[in-house]
């Protein structure tokens, strides 16, 4: 049986970072409700390797009210896990890899927004695998 302990993260890349300030937004006291959208893509390289692309998008199109910025962050990682597509290993391969990548996505999103001279947007800690299931 293949387990998560056999999984290896082989590389990590930042594919995209964008930030666009909404200069018309007026900061007021209180909480700003930002609803991000997430996406994930899994690509087979071979029987032992696969690439996961994980992204977050924050935009006025997906939020109900005004938001202070639009941003997008997309990262990808290549993983190694023998027979990762098998029924026994696939859930471990995809969900564990996504969980490994999430802190990178979370930190990069905060950095991009902080460097945009707005309060950093920190994604809450969450079970990211459940988000996609």
C-alpha atoms as a PDB file:
ATOM      1  CA  UNK A   1       0.000   0.000   0.000  1.00  0.00           C
ATOM      2  CA  UNK A   2       1.245   3.444  -0.914  1.00  0.00           C
ATOM      3  CA  UNK A   3       1.227   6.037   1.841  1.00  0.00           C
ATOM      4  CA  UNK A   4       1.870   9.730   2.300  1.00  0.00           C
ATOM      5  CA  UNK A   5       5.272   8.955   3.837  1.00  0.00           C
ATOM      6  CA  UNK A   6       6.472   7.889   0.376  1.00  0.00           C
ATOM      7  CA  UNK A   7       5.393  11.186  -1.189  1.00  0.00           C
ATOM      8  CA  UNK A   8       8.064  13.688  -2.202  1.00  0.00           C
ATOM      9  CA  UNK A   9       7.717  17.341  -3.145  1.00  0.00           C
ATOM     10  CA  UNK A  10      10.130  17.736  -6.057  1.00  0.00           C
ATOM     11  CA  UNK A  11       9.663  21.378  -6.974  1.00  0.00           C
ATOM     12  CA  UNK A  12       7.601  24.463  -6.275  1.00  0.00           C
ATOM     13  CA  UNK A  13       6.981  27.406  -8.605  1.00  0.00           C
ATOM     14  CA  UNK A  14       5.118  30.670  -8.424  1.00  0.00           C
ATOM     15  CA  UNK A  15       3.281  30.942 -11.734  1.00  0.00           C
ATOM     16  CA  UNK A  16       1.372  34.172 -11.217  1.00  0.00           C
ATOM     17  CA  UNK A  17       0.918  37.025  -8.782  1.00  0.00           C
ATOM     18  CA  UNK A  18      -1.258  40.025  -9.528  1.00  0.00           C
ATOM     19  CA  UNK A  19      -2.469  42.893  -7.402  1.00  0.00           C
ATOM     20  CA  UNK A  20      -4.730  45.752  -8.426  1.00  0.00           C
ATOM     21  CA  UNK A  21      -5.684  48.428  -5.917  1.00  0.00           C
ATOM     22  CA  UNK A  22      -9.278  49.665  -5.883  1.00  0.00           C
ATOM     23  CA  UNK A  23      -8.562  53.349  -5.325  1.00  0.00           C
ATOM     24  CA  UNK A  24     -12.269  54.119  -4.982  1.00  0.00           C
ATOM     25  CA  UNK A  25     -12.594  51.821  -1.964  1.00  0.00           C
ATOM     26  CA  UNK A  26     -13.038  53.653   1.332  1.00  0.00           C
ATOM     27  CA  UNK A  27     -11.627  51.922   4.392  1.00  0.00           C
ATOM     28  CA  UNK A  28     -14.023  52.230   7.289  1.00  0.00           C
ATOM     29  CA  UNK A  29     -13.942  50.744  10.733  1.00  0.00           C
ATOM     30  CA  UNK A  30     -15.201  47.209  10.711  1.00  0.00           C
ATOM     31  CA  UNK A  31     -14.611  43.970   8.932  1.00  0.00           C
ATOM     32  CA  UNK A  32     -14.182  43.757   5.177  1.00  0.00           C
ATOM     33  CA  UNK A  33     -15.890  40.663   3.805  1.00  0.00           C
ATOM     34  CA  UNK A  34     -13.654  39.182   1.115  1.00  0.00           C
ATOM     35  CA  UNK A  35     -14.716  35.957  -0.557  1.00  0.00           C
ATOM     36  CA  UNK A  36     -11.866  34.294  -2.449  1.00  0.00           C
ATOM     37  CA  UNK A  37     -12.308  31.613  -5.074  1.00  0.00           C
ATOM     38  CA  UNK A  38      -9.910  28.690  -5.234  1.00  0.00           C
ATOM     39  CA  UNK A  39      -8.966  26.429  -8.095  1.00  0.00           C
ATOM     40  CA  UNK A  40      -6.899  23.297  -8.384  1.00  0.00           C
ATOM     41  CA  UNK A  41      -5.677  21.383 -11.401  1.00  0.00           C
ATOM     42  CA  UNK A  42      -4.011  17.962 -11.326  1.00  0.00           C
ATOM     43  CA  UNK A  43      -1.886  16.864 -14.285  1.00  0.00           C
ATOM     44  CA  UNK A  44      -0.387  13.426 -14.733  1.00  0.00           C
ATOM     45  CA  UNK A  45       3.289  13.428 -15.641  1.00  0.00           C
ATOM     46  CA  UNK A  46       3.758   9.651 -15.376  1.00  0.00           C
ATOM     47  CA  UNK A  47       2.900   6.758 -13.033  1.00  0.00           C
ATOM     48  CA  UNK A  48       5.053   8.210 -10.259  1.00  0.00           C
ATOM     49  CA  UNK A  49       4.846  11.971 -10.850  1.00  0.00           C
ATOM     50  CA  UNK A  50       2.065  14.529 -10.984  1.00  0.00           C
ATOM     51  CA  UNK A  51       1.753  18.290 -10.938  1.00  0.00           C
ATOM     52  CA  UNK A  52      -0.780  20.227  -8.933  1.00  0.00           C
ATOM     53  CA  UNK A  53      -1.570  23.844  -9.703  1.00  0.00           C
ATOM     54  CA  UNK A  54      -3.302  25.699  -6.881  1.00  0.00           C
ATOM     55  CA  UNK A  55      -4.690  29.204  -7.137  1.00  0.00           C
ATOM     56  CA  UNK A  56      -6.673  31.854  -5.358  1.00  0.00           C
ATOM     57  CA  UNK A  57      -8.509  34.737  -6.961  1.00  0.00           C
ATOM     58  CA  UNK A  58      -9.989  37.736  -5.195  1.00  0.00           C
ATOM     59  CA  UNK A  59     -11.989  39.964  -7.494  1.00  0.00           C
ATOM     60  CA  UNK A  60     -14.946  42.298  -7.532  1.00  0.00           C
ATOM     61  CA  UNK A  61     -16.726  39.849  -9.850  1.00  0.00           C
ATOM     62  CA  UNK A  62     -16.903  37.140  -7.173  1.00  0.00           C
ATOM     63  CA  UNK A  63     -17.561  39.384  -4.158  1.00  0.00           C
ATOM     64  CA  UNK A  64     -20.940  40.805  -3.187  1.00  0.00           C
ATOM     65  CA  UNK A  65     -19.722  44.150  -1.898  1.00  0.00           C
ATOM     66  CA  UNK A  66     -16.844  46.504  -2.638  1.00  0.00           C
ATOM     67  CA  UNK A  67     -13.371  45.203  -1.865  1.00  0.00           C
ATOM     68  CA  UNK A  68     -10.084  47.118  -1.510  1.00  0.00           C
ATOM     69  CA  UNK A  69      -8.195  45.173  -4.183  1.00  0.00           C
ATOM     70  CA  UNK A  70      -8.227  42.443  -6.790  1.00  0.00           C
ATOM     71  CA  UNK A  71      -5.520  39.810  -6.493  1.00  0.00           C
ATOM     72  CA  UNK A  72      -4.555  36.464  -7.918  1.00  0.00           C
ATOM     73  CA  UNK A  73      -1.884  33.980  -6.859  1.00  0.00           C
ATOM     74  CA  UNK A  74      -1.143  30.725  -8.689  1.00  0.00           C
ATOM     75  CA  UNK A  75       1.487  28.182  -7.650  1.00  0.00           C
ATOM     76  CA  UNK A  76       2.406  24.725  -8.883  1.00  0.00           C
ATOM     77  CA  UNK A  77       4.311  21.789  -7.458  1.00  0.00           C
ATOM     78  CA  UNK A  78       5.508  18.483  -8.809  1.00  0.00           C
ATOM     79  CA  UNK A  79       5.164  15.489  -6.518  1.00  0.00           C
ATOM     80  CA  UNK A  80       6.420  11.952  -6.635  1.00  0.00           C
ATOM     81  CA  UNK A  81       4.393   9.038  -5.294  1.00  0.00           C
ATOM     82  CA  UNK A  82       4.503   5.508  -6.745  1.00  0.00           C
ATOM     83  CA  UNK A  83       1.193   4.508  -8.344  1.00  0.00           C
ATOM     84  CA  UNK A  84      -0.374   7.826  -7.329  1.00  0.00           C
ATOM     85  CA  UNK A  85      -3.380   7.239  -9.599  1.00  0.00           C
ATOM     86  CA  UNK A  86      -4.369   3.949  -7.976  1.00  0.00           C
ATOM     87  CA  UNK A  87      -7.592   3.863  -5.971  1.00  0.00           C
ATOM     88  CA  UNK A  88      -5.637   3.343  -2.739  1.00  0.00           C
ATOM     89  CA  UNK A  89      -3.204   6.216  -3.301  1.00  0.00           C
ATOM     90  CA  UNK A  90      -5.076   8.869  -5.288  1.00  0.00           C
ATOM     91  CA  UNK A  91      -6.893  10.518  -2.390  1.00  0.00           C
ATOM     92  CA  UNK A  92      -3.680  10.612  -0.352  1.00  0.00           C
ATOM     93  CA  UNK A  93      -1.707  11.913  -3.327  1.00  0.00           C
ATOM     94  CA  UNK A  94      -4.054  14.745  -4.196  1.00  0.00           C
ATOM     95  CA  UNK A  95      -5.296  15.788  -0.752  1.00  0.00           C
ATOM     96  CA  UNK A  96      -1.934  15.603   1.010  1.00  0.00           C
ATOM     97  CA  UNK A  97      -0.219  17.493  -1.810  1.00  0.00           C
ATOM     98  CA  UNK A  98      -2.887  20.193  -1.691  1.00  0.00           C
ATOM     99  CA  UNK A  99      -2.470  20.496   2.079  1.00  0.00           C
ATOM    100  CA  UNK A 100       1.314  20.774   1.657  1.00  0.00           C
ATOM    101  CA  UNK A 101       0.888  23.573  -0.886  1.00  0.00           C
ATOM    102  CA  UNK A 102      -1.694  25.608   1.040  1.00  0.00           C
ATOM    103  CA  UNK A 103       0.735  27.345   3.455  1.00  0.00           C
ATOM    104  CA  UNK A 104       2.762  28.536   0.454  1.00  0.00           C
ATOM    105  CA  UNK A 105      -0.382  29.942  -1.168  1.00  0.00           C
ATOM    106  CA  UNK A 106      -1.469  31.526   2.114  1.00  0.00           C
ATOM    107  CA  UNK A 107       1.896  33.217   2.749  1.00  0.00           C
ATOM    108  CA  UNK A 108       2.291  34.444  -0.816  1.00  0.00           C
ATOM    109  CA  UNK A 109      -1.220  35.925  -0.821  1.00  0.00           C
ATOM    110  CA  UNK A 110      -0.464  37.829   2.400  1.00  0.00           C
ATOM    111  CA  UNK A 111       2.862  39.062   0.994  1.00  0.00           C
ATOM    112  CA  UNK A 112       1.347  40.236  -2.301  1.00  0.00           C
ATOM    113  CA  UNK A 113      -1.398  42.195  -0.544  1.00  0.00           C
ATOM    114  CA  UNK A 114       0.950  43.628   2.105  1.00  0.00           C
ATOM    115  CA  UNK A 115       3.307  44.832  -0.632  1.00  0.00           C
ATOM    116  CA  UNK A 116       0.299  46.504  -2.249  1.00  0.00           C
ATOM    117  CA  UNK A 117       0.239  48.801   0.789  1.00  0.00           C
ATOM    118  CA  UNK A 118      -3.022  47.474   2.201  1.00  0.00           C
ATOM    119  CA  UNK A 119      -3.459  45.407   5.346  1.00  0.00           C
ATOM    120  CA  UNK A 120      -2.274  41.903   4.413  1.00  0.00           C
ATOM    121  CA  UNK A 121      -5.027  39.505   3.486  1.00  0.00           C
ATOM    122  CA  UNK A 122      -4.410  36.351   5.504  1.00  0.00           C
ATOM    123  CA  UNK A 123      -6.338  33.299   4.416  1.00  0.00           C
ATOM    124  CA  UNK A 124      -7.817  31.521   7.396  1.00  0.00           C
ATOM    125  CA  UNK A 125      -6.398  28.149   8.325  1.00  0.00           C
ATOM    126  CA  UNK A 126      -8.747  25.634   6.764  1.00  0.00           C
ATOM    127  CA  UNK A 127      -8.996  22.087   5.535  1.00  0.00           C
ATOM    128  CA  UNK A 128      -8.257  22.954   1.935  1.00  0.00           C
ATOM    129  CA  UNK A 129      -8.798  19.365   0.766  1.00  0.00           C
ATOM    130  CA  UNK A 130     -12.435  19.492   1.905  1.00  0.00           C
ATOM    131  CA  UNK A 131     -12.879  22.652  -0.153  1.00  0.00           C
ATOM    132  CA  UNK A 132     -12.292  20.687  -3.334  1.00  0.00           C
ATOM    133  CA  UNK A 133     -14.208  17.519  -2.367  1.00  0.00           C
END
